[in-house]
Amino acid sequence: MRLDLFLRASRLVLRRTVAQELCEAGAVSVNGAAARASRAVREGDEIAIKRRGRLLTVRVLTLPQAKQVSRGDAPSLYEVVGDINVNDEV
């Protein structure tokens, strides 16, 4: 599954266009490397998203079977590994 589609399905990003813009800006990395929106995401990958002074890192647990995932099921697609407020660091 494409990275931008996963970010949208998991509701980590509310719109696919926003996910694409974040990838183009270099704010999204997969397994430590900057990632394009078209990059394939697999189970076990770690995705880091930097925006608004916050660095959110999640691990992909499962890929959705359909494009639409219910609001209740979306958090089951990933687990939060880290959530750091970048502005607080010295």
C-alpha atoms as a PDB file:
ATOM      1  CA  MET A   1       0.000   0.000   0.000  1.00  0.00           C
ATOM      2  CA  ARG A   2       1.231   3.512  -0.813  1.00  0.00           C
ATOM      3  CA  LEU A   3       2.441   5.652   2.072  1.00  0.00           C
ATOM      4  CA  ASP A   4      -0.008   8.495   1.406  1.00  0.00           C
ATOM      5  CA  LEU A   5      -2.918   6.053   1.289  1.00  0.00           C
ATOM      6  CA  PHE A   6      -1.851   4.424   4.556  1.00  0.00           C
ATOM      7  CA  LEU A   7      -1.539   7.787   6.307  1.00  0.00           C
ATOM      8  CA  ARG A   8      -5.062   8.656   5.178  1.00  0.00           C
ATOM      9  CA  ALA A   9      -6.600   5.262   6.010  1.00  0.00           C
ATOM     10  CA  SER A  10      -5.013   5.246   9.472  1.00  0.00           C
ATOM     11  CA  ARG A  11      -6.248   8.804  10.049  1.00  0.00           C
ATOM     12  CA  LEU A  12      -2.758   9.982  10.975  1.00  0.00           C
ATOM     13  CA  VAL A  13      -3.383  12.627   8.298  1.00  0.00           C
ATOM     14  CA  LEU A  14      -6.910  13.748   7.485  1.00  0.00           C
ATOM     15  CA  ARG A  15      -6.512  14.177   3.714  1.00  0.00           C
ATOM     16  CA  ARG A  16      -4.401  12.406   1.127  1.00  0.00           C
ATOM     17  CA  THR A  17      -3.244  15.692  -0.404  1.00  0.00           C
ATOM     18  CA  VAL A  18      -1.899  16.770   2.987  1.00  0.00           C
ATOM     19  CA  ALA A  19      -0.037  13.449   3.260  1.00  0.00           C
ATOM     20  CA  GLN A  20       1.481  14.029  -0.190  1.00  0.00           C
ATOM     21  CA  GLU A  21       2.536  17.575   0.738  1.00  0.00           C
ATOM     22  CA  LEU A  22       4.182  16.356   3.950  1.00  0.00           C
ATOM     23  CA  CYS A  23       6.132  13.744   1.987  1.00  0.00           C
ATOM     24  CA  GLU A  24       7.242  16.313  -0.610  1.00  0.00           C
ATOM     25  CA  ALA A  25       8.404  18.634   2.186  1.00  0.00           C
ATOM     26  CA  GLY A  26      10.545  15.861   3.688  1.00  0.00           C
ATOM     27  CA  ALA A  27       8.488  15.705   6.883  1.00  0.00           C
ATOM     28  CA  VAL A  28       7.775  11.961   6.588  1.00  0.00           C
ATOM     29  CA  SER A  29      10.331   9.188   6.882  1.00  0.00           C
ATOM     30  CA  VAL A  30       9.999   5.413   6.787  1.00  0.00           C
ATOM     31  CA  ASN A  31      12.565   3.326   8.661  1.00  0.00           C
ATOM     32  CA  GLY A  32      14.782   6.400   9.057  1.00  0.00           C
ATOM     33  CA  ALA A  33      14.886   7.429   5.391  1.00  0.00           C
ATOM     34  CA  ALA A  34      12.936  10.279   3.795  1.00  0.00           C
ATOM     35  CA  ALA A  35       9.987   8.848   1.920  1.00  0.00           C
ATOM     36  CA  ARG A  36       7.964   9.838  -1.100  1.00  0.00           C
ATOM     37  CA  ALA A  37       4.183   9.518  -1.117  1.00  0.00           C
ATOM     38  CA  SER A  38       4.375   6.570  -3.521  1.00  0.00           C
ATOM     39  CA  ARG A  39       6.657   4.481  -1.295  1.00  0.00           C
ATOM     40  CA  ALA A  40       5.258   1.061  -0.425  1.00  0.00           C
ATOM     41  CA  VAL A  41       4.457   0.511   3.245  1.00  0.00           C
ATOM     42  CA  ARG A  42       4.704  -2.937   4.816  1.00  0.00           C
ATOM     43  CA  GLU A  43       3.854  -4.370   8.223  1.00  0.00           C
ATOM     44  CA  GLY A  44       6.610  -3.620  10.725  1.00  0.00           C
ATOM     45  CA  ASP A  45       7.730  -0.368   9.051  1.00  0.00           C
ATOM     46  CA  GLU A  46       8.295   2.636  11.326  1.00  0.00           C
ATOM     47  CA  ILE A  47       6.871   5.909  10.046  1.00  0.00           C
ATOM     48  CA  ALA A  48       7.982   9.250  11.516  1.00  0.00           C
ATOM     49  CA  ILE A  49       5.882  12.353  10.845  1.00  0.00           C
ATOM     50  CA  LYS A  50       7.170  15.790  11.779  1.00  0.00           C
ATOM     51  CA  ARG A  51       4.704  18.660  11.868  1.00  0.00           C
ATOM     52  CA  ARG A  52       3.821  21.589  14.085  1.00  0.00           C
ATOM     53  CA  GLY A  53       6.882  21.098  16.277  1.00  0.00           C
ATOM     54  CA  ARG A  54       5.975  17.501  17.027  1.00  0.00           C
ATOM     55  CA  LEU A  55       7.612  14.241  15.952  1.00  0.00           C
ATOM     56  CA  LEU A  56       5.230  11.277  15.927  1.00  0.00           C
ATOM     57  CA  THR A  57       6.667   7.820  15.302  1.00  0.00           C
ATOM     58  CA  VAL A  58       4.390   4.841  14.674  1.00  0.00           C
ATOM     59  CA  ARG A  59       4.951   1.182  13.762  1.00  0.00           C
ATOM     60  CA  VAL A  60       2.656  -0.351  11.142  1.00  0.00           C
ATOM     61  CA  LEU A  61       0.853  -3.354  12.619  1.00  0.00           C
ATOM     62  CA  THR A  62      -1.420  -4.240   9.723  1.00  0.00           C
ATOM     63  CA  LEU A  63      -2.475  -2.873   6.361  1.00  0.00           C
ATOM     64  CA  PRO A  64      -6.151  -2.132   5.722  1.00  0.00           C
ATOM     65  CA  GLN A  65      -8.029  -4.375   3.321  1.00  0.00           C
ATOM     66  CA  ALA A  66     -10.131  -1.475   1.991  1.00  0.00           C
ATOM     67  CA  LYS A  67      -9.505   2.201   1.295  1.00  0.00           C
ATOM     68  CA  GLN A  68     -12.085   3.266   3.866  1.00  0.00           C
ATOM     69  CA  VAL A  69     -11.411   2.343   7.482  1.00  0.00           C
ATOM     70  CA  SER A  70     -13.835   3.207  10.255  1.00  0.00           C
ATOM     71  CA  ARG A  71     -12.787   5.757  12.853  1.00  0.00           C
ATOM     72  CA  GLY A  72     -12.834   3.066  15.546  1.00  0.00           C
ATOM     73  CA  ASP A  73     -10.685   0.618  13.560  1.00  0.00           C
ATOM     74  CA  ALA A  74      -8.060   3.131  12.348  1.00  0.00           C
ATOM     75  CA  PRO A  75      -5.891   3.077  15.521  1.00  0.00           C
ATOM     76  CA  SER A  76      -5.585  -0.720  15.269  1.00  0.00           C
ATOM     77  CA  LEU A  77      -3.488  -0.302  12.090  1.00  0.00           C
ATOM     78  CA  TYR A  78      -0.500   1.116  14.014  1.00  0.00           C
ATOM     79  CA  GLU A  79       1.069   1.518  17.443  1.00  0.00           C
ATOM     80  CA  VAL A  80       2.649   4.731  18.686  1.00  0.00           C
ATOM     81  CA  VAL A  81       6.373   4.239  19.296  1.00  0.00           C
ATOM     82  CA  GLY A  82       7.222   7.832  20.188  1.00  0.00           C
ATOM     83  CA  ASP A  83       5.586  11.228  20.465  1.00  0.00           C
ATOM     84  CA  ILE A  84       8.097  14.022  21.044  1.00  0.00           C
ATOM     85  CA  ASN A  85       7.519  17.750  21.235  1.00  0.00           C
ATOM     86  CA  VAL A  86      10.541  18.956  19.233  1.00  0.00           C
ATOM     87  CA  ASN A  87      10.295  22.534  20.584  1.00  0.00           C
ATOM     88  CA  ASP A  88      11.013  21.326  24.145  1.00  0.00           C
ATOM     89  CA  GLU A  89      14.386  19.766  23.300  1.00  0.00           C
ATOM     90  CA  VAL A  90      17.556  21.709  24.003  1.00  0.00           C
END
